[in-house]
Every structure is written in C-alpha cells, then in structure tokens.
C-alpha atoms as a PDB file:
ATOM      1  CA  MET A   1      -7.937 -21.916  58.407  1.00  0.00           C
ATOM      2  CA  ARG A   2      -9.565 -20.028  61.411  1.00  0.00           C
ATOM      3  CA  ILE A   3      -9.991 -16.007  61.285  1.00  0.00           C
ATOM      4  CA  GLY A   4      -7.060 -15.433  62.925  1.00  0.00           C
ATOM      5  CA  GLU A   5      -4.913 -16.972  60.204  1.00  0.00           C
ATOM      6  CA  LEU A   6      -6.981 -15.136  57.400  1.00  0.00           C
ATOM      7  CA  ALA A   7      -6.364 -11.925  58.792  1.00  0.00           C
ATOM      8  CA  ARG A   8      -2.236 -12.770  59.570  1.00  0.00           C
ATOM      9  CA  ARG A   9      -1.636 -14.048  55.755  1.00  0.00           C
ATOM     10  CA  THR A  10      -3.480 -11.328  54.357  1.00  0.00           C
ATOM     11  CA  GLY A  11      -2.837  -8.383  56.835  1.00  0.00           C
ATOM     12  CA  VAL A  12      -6.567  -7.524  57.251  1.00  0.00           C
ATOM     13  CA  THR A  13      -8.021  -6.917  60.637  1.00  0.00           C
ATOM     14  CA  PRO A  14     -10.463 -10.202  61.911  1.00  0.00           C
ATOM     15  CA  ARG A  15     -13.359  -6.970  62.234  1.00  0.00           C
ATOM     16  CA  ALA A  16     -12.406  -6.270  58.648  1.00  0.00           C
ATOM     17  CA  LEU A  17     -12.670  -9.691  57.721  1.00  0.00           C
ATOM     18  CA  ARG A  18     -16.042 -10.194  59.315  1.00  0.00           C
ATOM     19  CA  TYR A  19     -17.367  -7.193  57.277  1.00  0.00           C
ATOM     20  CA  TYR A  20     -16.300  -8.719  54.397  1.00  0.00           C
ATOM     21  CA  GLU A  21     -18.800 -11.663  54.914  1.00  0.00           C
ATOM     22  CA  GLU A  22     -21.322  -9.699  56.267  1.00  0.00           C
ATOM     23  CA  GLN A  23     -20.776  -7.484  52.783  1.00  0.00           C
ATOM     24  CA  GLY A  24     -21.708 -10.573  51.044  1.00  0.00           C
ATOM     25  CA  LEU A  25     -17.665 -10.618  49.722  1.00  0.00           C
ATOM     26  CA  LEU A  26     -16.384 -13.666  51.502  1.00  0.00           C
ATOM     27  CA  THR A  27     -18.794 -16.693  52.454  1.00  0.00           C
ATOM     28  CA  PRO A  28     -16.904 -18.618  55.327  1.00  0.00           C
ATOM     29  CA  GLU A  29     -17.984 -22.148  56.140  1.00  0.00           C
ATOM     30  CA  ARG A  30     -19.150 -22.541  59.243  1.00  0.00           C
ATOM     31  CA  ARG A  31     -18.499 -24.991  62.131  1.00  0.00           C
ATOM     32  CA  PRO A  32     -20.723 -26.807  63.750  1.00  0.00           C
ATOM     33  CA  SER A  33     -18.874 -24.473  67.279  1.00  0.00           C
ATOM     34  CA  GLY A  34     -19.992 -21.560  65.183  1.00  0.00           C
ATOM     35  CA  TYR A  35     -16.411 -20.566  64.377  1.00  0.00           C
ATOM     36  CA  ARG A  36     -15.826 -19.476  60.458  1.00  0.00           C
ATOM     37  CA  ALA A  37     -13.478 -21.849  58.671  1.00  0.00           C
ATOM     38  CA  TYR A  38     -11.174 -20.746  55.201  1.00  0.00           C
ATOM     39  CA  ASP A  39      -9.444 -22.089  52.687  1.00  0.00           C
ATOM     40  CA  GLU A  40      -7.137 -20.814  50.062  1.00  0.00           C
ATOM     41  CA  GLY A  41      -8.953 -19.333  48.061  1.00  0.00           C
ATOM     42  CA  ASP A  42     -10.329 -17.112  50.570  1.00  0.00           C
ATOM     43  CA  VAL A  43      -6.591 -15.674  50.705  1.00  0.00           C
ATOM     44  CA  ASP A  44      -6.719 -14.762  47.219  1.00  0.00           C
ATOM     45  CA  ALA A  45     -10.512 -13.617  47.362  1.00  0.00           C
ATOM     46  CA  VAL A  46      -9.249 -10.917  49.811  1.00  0.00           C
ATOM     47  CA  HIS A  47      -6.330  -9.814  48.418  1.00  0.00           C
ATOM     48  CA  GLY A  48      -8.822  -9.529  45.512  1.00  0.00           C
ATOM     49  CA  ILE A  49     -11.227  -7.414  47.881  1.00  0.00           C
ATOM     50  CA  ARG A  50      -8.370  -5.212  49.050  1.00  0.00           C
ATOM     51  CA  THR A  51      -7.283  -4.508  45.663  1.00  0.00           C
ATOM     52  CA  LEU A  52     -10.671  -3.503  44.490  1.00  0.00           C
ATOM     53  CA  LEU A  53     -10.843  -1.189  47.774  1.00  0.00           C
ATOM     54  CA  ALA A  54      -7.520   0.276  46.912  1.00  0.00           C
ATOM     55  CA  ALA A  55      -9.049   1.116  43.232  1.00  0.00           C
ATOM     56  CA  GLY A  56     -12.016   3.200  44.765  1.00  0.00           C
ATOM     57  CA  LEU A  57     -14.466   0.772  44.534  1.00  0.00           C
ATOM     58  CA  ASN A  58     -17.218   0.221  47.097  1.00  0.00           C
ATOM     59  CA  SER A  59     -18.294  -2.979  48.819  1.00  0.00           C
ATOM     60  CA  ALA A  60     -21.905  -3.203  46.733  1.00  0.00           C
ATOM     61  CA  VAL A  61     -19.907  -3.054  43.796  1.00  0.00           C
ATOM     62  CA  ILE A  62     -16.951  -5.510  44.283  1.00  0.00           C
ATOM     63  CA  ALA A  63     -19.620  -8.148  45.602  1.00  0.00           C
ATOM     64  CA  GLU A  64     -21.468  -7.473  41.904  1.00  0.00           C
ATOM     65  CA  ILE A  65     -17.981  -8.046  40.236  1.00  0.00           C
ATOM     66  CA  LEU A  66     -16.274 -11.180  42.735  1.00  0.00           C
ATOM     67  CA  PRO A  67     -18.459 -13.791  41.290  1.00  0.00           C
ATOM     68  CA  GLY A  68     -17.134 -12.811  37.376  1.00  0.00           C
ATOM     69  CA  LEU A  69     -13.595 -13.394  38.211  1.00  0.00           C
ATOM     70  CA  PRO A  70     -12.096 -16.568  37.515  1.00  0.00           C
ATOM     71  CA  PRO A  71      -9.374 -17.413  40.352  1.00  0.00           C
ATOM     72  CA  PRO A  72      -5.577 -16.612  39.867  1.00  0.00           C
ATOM     73  CA  GLY A  73      -4.006 -18.699  37.318  1.00  0.00           C
ATOM     74  CA  ARG A  74      -7.349 -20.097  36.295  1.00  0.00           C
ATOM     75  CA  ARG A  75      -8.219 -17.397  33.461  1.00  0.00           C
ATOM     76  CA  ARG A  76      -8.823 -18.682  30.269  1.00  0.00           C
ATOM     77  CA  PRO A  77      -7.686 -16.565  27.193  1.00  0.00           C
ATOM     78  CA  GLY A  78      -9.419 -14.125  25.672  1.00  0.00           C
ATOM     79  CA  PRO A  79     -11.685 -11.154  26.662  1.00  0.00           C
ATOM     80  CA  THR A  80     -12.953 -10.564  30.431  1.00  0.00           C
ATOM     81  CA  CYS A  81     -16.818 -10.749  30.290  1.00  0.00           C
ATOM     82  CA  PRO A  82     -18.591  -8.001  28.925  1.00  0.00           C
ATOM     83  CA  GLU A  83     -20.690  -7.091  31.812  1.00  0.00           C
ATOM     84  CA  LEU A  84     -17.388  -6.950  33.889  1.00  0.00           C
ATOM     85  CA  ARG A  85     -15.446  -4.802  31.489  1.00  0.00           C
ATOM     86  CA  GLU A  86     -18.607  -2.763  31.283  1.00  0.00           C
ATOM     87  CA  GLY A  87     -18.930  -2.352  35.110  1.00  0.00           C
ATOM     88  CA  LEU A  88     -15.581  -1.154  35.671  1.00  0.00           C
ATOM     89  CA  ALA A  89     -15.705   1.193  32.890  1.00  0.00           C
ATOM     90  CA  ARG A  90     -18.153   2.743  34.579  1.00  0.00           C
ATOM     91  CA  GLU A  91     -16.619   2.696  37.776  1.00  0.00           C
ATOM     92  CA  ARG A  92     -13.577   4.332  36.001  1.00  0.00           C
ATOM     93  CA  ALA A  93     -16.020   7.007  34.929  1.00  0.00           C
ATOM     94  CA  ARG A  94     -17.426   7.906  37.698  1.00  0.00           C
ATOM     95  CA  ILE A  95     -14.049   7.933  40.013  1.00  0.00           C
ATOM     96  CA  THR A  96     -12.597  10.466  36.853  1.00  0.00           C
ATOM     97  CA  ARG A  97     -15.825  12.443  37.214  1.00  0.00           C
ATOM     98  CA  GLN A  98     -14.962  12.486  41.207  1.00  0.00           C
ATOM     99  CA  MET A  99     -11.397  13.668  40.549  1.00  0.00           C
ATOM    100  CA  GLY A 100     -12.643  16.559  38.006  1.00  0.00           C
ATOM    101  CA  GLU A 101     -15.154  17.662  40.688  1.00  0.00           C
ATOM    102  CA  LEU A 102     -12.302  17.499  43.103  1.00  0.00           C
ATOM    103  CA  ALA A 103      -9.358  19.085  41.252  1.00  0.00           C
ATOM    104  CA  ALA A 104     -12.612  22.168  40.885  1.00  0.00           C
ATOM    105  CA  ALA A 105     -13.117  22.213  44.581  1.00  0.00           C
ATOM    106  CA  ARG A 106      -9.340  22.399  45.313  1.00  0.00           C
ATOM    107  CA  ALA A 107      -8.624  25.339  42.886  1.00  0.00           C
ATOM    108  CA  LEU A 108     -11.776  27.464  44.117  1.00  0.00           C
ATOM    109  CA  LEU A 109      -9.989  27.019  47.944  1.00  0.00           C
ATOM    110  CA  ASP A 110      -6.533  27.864  46.265  1.00  0.00           C
ATOM    111  CA  THR A 111      -8.618  31.272  45.265  1.00  0.00           C
ATOM    112  CA  ILE A 112     -10.449  32.021  48.436  1.00  0.00           C
ATOM    113  CA  MET A 113      -7.214  31.880  50.056  1.00  0.00           C
ATOM    114  CA  GLY A 114      -4.990  34.156  48.239  1.00  0.00           C
ATOM    115  CA  ALA A 115      -7.495  36.274  47.801  1.00  0.00           C
ATOM    116  CA  ASP A 116      -7.476  40.069  49.499  1.00  0.00           C
ATOM    117  CA  ALA A 117     -11.190  39.792  50.681  1.00  0.00           C
ATOM    118  CA  PRO A 118     -12.175  35.609  50.703  1.00  0.00           C
ATOM    119  CA  SER A 119     -15.819  36.688  51.534  1.00  0.00           C
ATOM    120  CA  GLU A 120     -16.400  38.714  48.091  1.00  0.00           C
ATOM    121  CA  VAL A 121     -14.883  35.307  46.353  1.00  0.00           C
ATOM    122  CA  ILE A 122     -17.025  33.371  48.283  1.00  0.00           C
ATOM    123  CA  LEU A 123     -20.300  35.340  47.132  1.00  0.00           C
ATOM    124  CA  ALA A 124     -19.202  35.845  43.450  1.00  0.00           C
ATOM    125  CA  ALA A 125     -18.887  31.850  43.005  1.00  0.00           C
ATOM    126  CA  ARG A 126     -22.628  31.084  44.603  1.00  0.00           C
ATOM    127  CA  PRO A 127     -25.023  30.701  41.956  1.00  0.00           C
ATOM    128  CA  ALA A 128     -27.255  33.960  40.994  1.00  0.00           C
ATOM    129  CA  ALA A 129     -30.224  32.051  42.980  1.00  0.00           C
ATOM    130  CA  ALA A 130     -28.576  31.302  46.005  1.00  0.00           C
ATOM    131  CA  ARG A 131     -26.496  34.960  46.159  1.00  0.00           C
ATOM    132  CA  SER A 132     -30.706  36.190  46.358  1.00  0.00           C
ATOM    133  CA  ALA A 133     -31.831  33.820  48.977  1.00  0.00           C
ATOM    134  CA  VAL A 134     -29.070  34.745  51.123  1.00  0.00           C
ATOM    135  CA  GLY A 135     -30.260  38.371  52.210  1.00  0.00           C
ATOM    136  CA  SER A 136     -33.770  36.832  53.295  1.00  0.00           C
ATOM    137  CA  ALA A 137     -32.143  33.921  54.770  1.00  0.00           C
ATOM    138  CA  SER A 138     -29.370  35.773  56.620  1.00  0.00           C
ATOM    139  CA  SER A 139     -31.934  37.919  58.512  1.00  0.00           C
ATOM    140  CA  SER A 140     -33.534  35.123  60.232  1.00  0.00           C
ATOM    141  CA  SER A 141     -29.901  32.851  61.172  1.00  0.00           C
ATOM    142  CA  ALA A 142     -26.814  34.964  61.667  1.00  0.00           C
ATOM    143  CA  GLY A 143     -27.429  38.205  62.812  1.00  0.00           C
ATOM    144  CA  PRO A 144     -25.045  41.480  61.215  1.00  0.00           C
ATOM    145  CA  GLY A 145     -21.623  40.830  62.465  1.00  0.00           C
ATOM    146  CA  GLU A 146     -22.314  36.915  63.832  1.00  0.00           C
ATOM    147  CA  ALA A 147     -19.509  34.610  62.057  1.00  0.00           C
ATOM    148  CA  THR A 148     -20.967  31.648  60.416  1.00  0.00           C
ATOM    149  CA  GLY A 149     -18.764  28.548  59.264  1.00  0.00           C
ATOM    150  CA  ARG A 150     -17.983  24.943  59.999  1.00  0.00           C
ATOM    151  CA  LYS A 151     -15.036  23.411  61.611  1.00  0.00           C
ATOM    152  CA  LEU A 152     -12.431  22.813  59.591  1.00  0.00           C
ATOM    153  CA  ASP A 153      -9.373  20.476  61.393  1.00  0.00           C
ATOM    154  CA  GLY A 154     -10.659  20.975  64.493  1.00  0.00           C
ATOM    155  CA  VAL A 155     -10.774  25.145  64.292  1.00  0.00           C
ATOM    156  CA  ARG A 156     -13.717  27.218  63.658  1.00  0.00           C
ATOM    157  CA  SER A 157     -14.103  29.260  60.385  1.00  0.00           C
ATOM    158  CA  ARG A 158     -14.735  32.844  61.069  1.00  0.00           C
ATOM    159  CA  ALA A 159     -15.974  34.243  57.338  1.00  0.00           C
ATOM    160  CA  VAL A 160     -18.301  36.911  57.967  1.00  0.00           C
ATOM    161  CA  LEU A 161     -20.455  37.010  54.845  1.00  0.00           C
ATOM    162  CA  GLU A 162     -22.151  40.526  54.416  1.00  0.00           C
END
C-alpha cells in the first residue's frame, strides 16, 4: 500500500509517516518510481509507535524498543526480553521524576499566584547564591522600576524584582 492508504488506515498524516521513516521507526520498501510501499505489518508498527509516543517515549527510545517487540499475536509465552523491560522501567522512572518536578512547579506557581507580594515569594524561592547575584546583575540589566519577565500566554509578565 502507498503512504496515503497507510495514513488513512492508521489516522496518521503522511508527514508523520515520513518523519517516522527519517527516525528509523518505519522502513518501507522503495519502488523503482521512488514511491514508498508499506505492508500490513506497517499498520501494526504505526499503531505501536503511536502508543509508545502517547506513553511519553521519544522517537530515539522507540527506535531502540521496536526491534525487540514481537508482532501482535506472535508473542511467545514467558517474560518479555529483559533489556526491553529494563528500558521501559528507566523511561517510567524518568516520567515519574518529571511528574514530580511538574507538580513542584505547579505548587510554586499556586503559591506565587496566591501571595500578597509575589516578588517576595519569587525571591525567597531562589537559591541563596542566585539571590546574592541578583544585586550585581540587576544593576547591569534592568534599571530600578524596569519590568522584567517573559511572555506567558502571549502577555508579558510585569514582575518588578527589587
């Protein structure tokens, strides 16, 4: 089947399928005309790629995992390849670590948003070394009363740190 048919059957854009090929996740046969030719196994492979992407894995990790996965319906009884299980466990630990970091960031934002003086909360949350550097750095970058910040949802934050 050609790329359009695979895209239709999997719900993935042809552009995404080309990206998967660039990343080594799919290896379609090339016809003399240059067209890609996919088979039924590629339908399963695309569904597997999408599942692993949804699980938080990046394309480099997926490229390592895919060769170790048996095709659907062909898994032999017994444990899955130990290297595969170890790799998935590492990815799970990485995601768990990121979840903890994101939860801490959300809690800090909640604290800042609920504070009467957000700049005091922001300064108090910074490490001591960074707080001492603020005095010397602020004289060269932003003058007194100048707003500093970054865009948040298209709006520039106006936090003035004294």
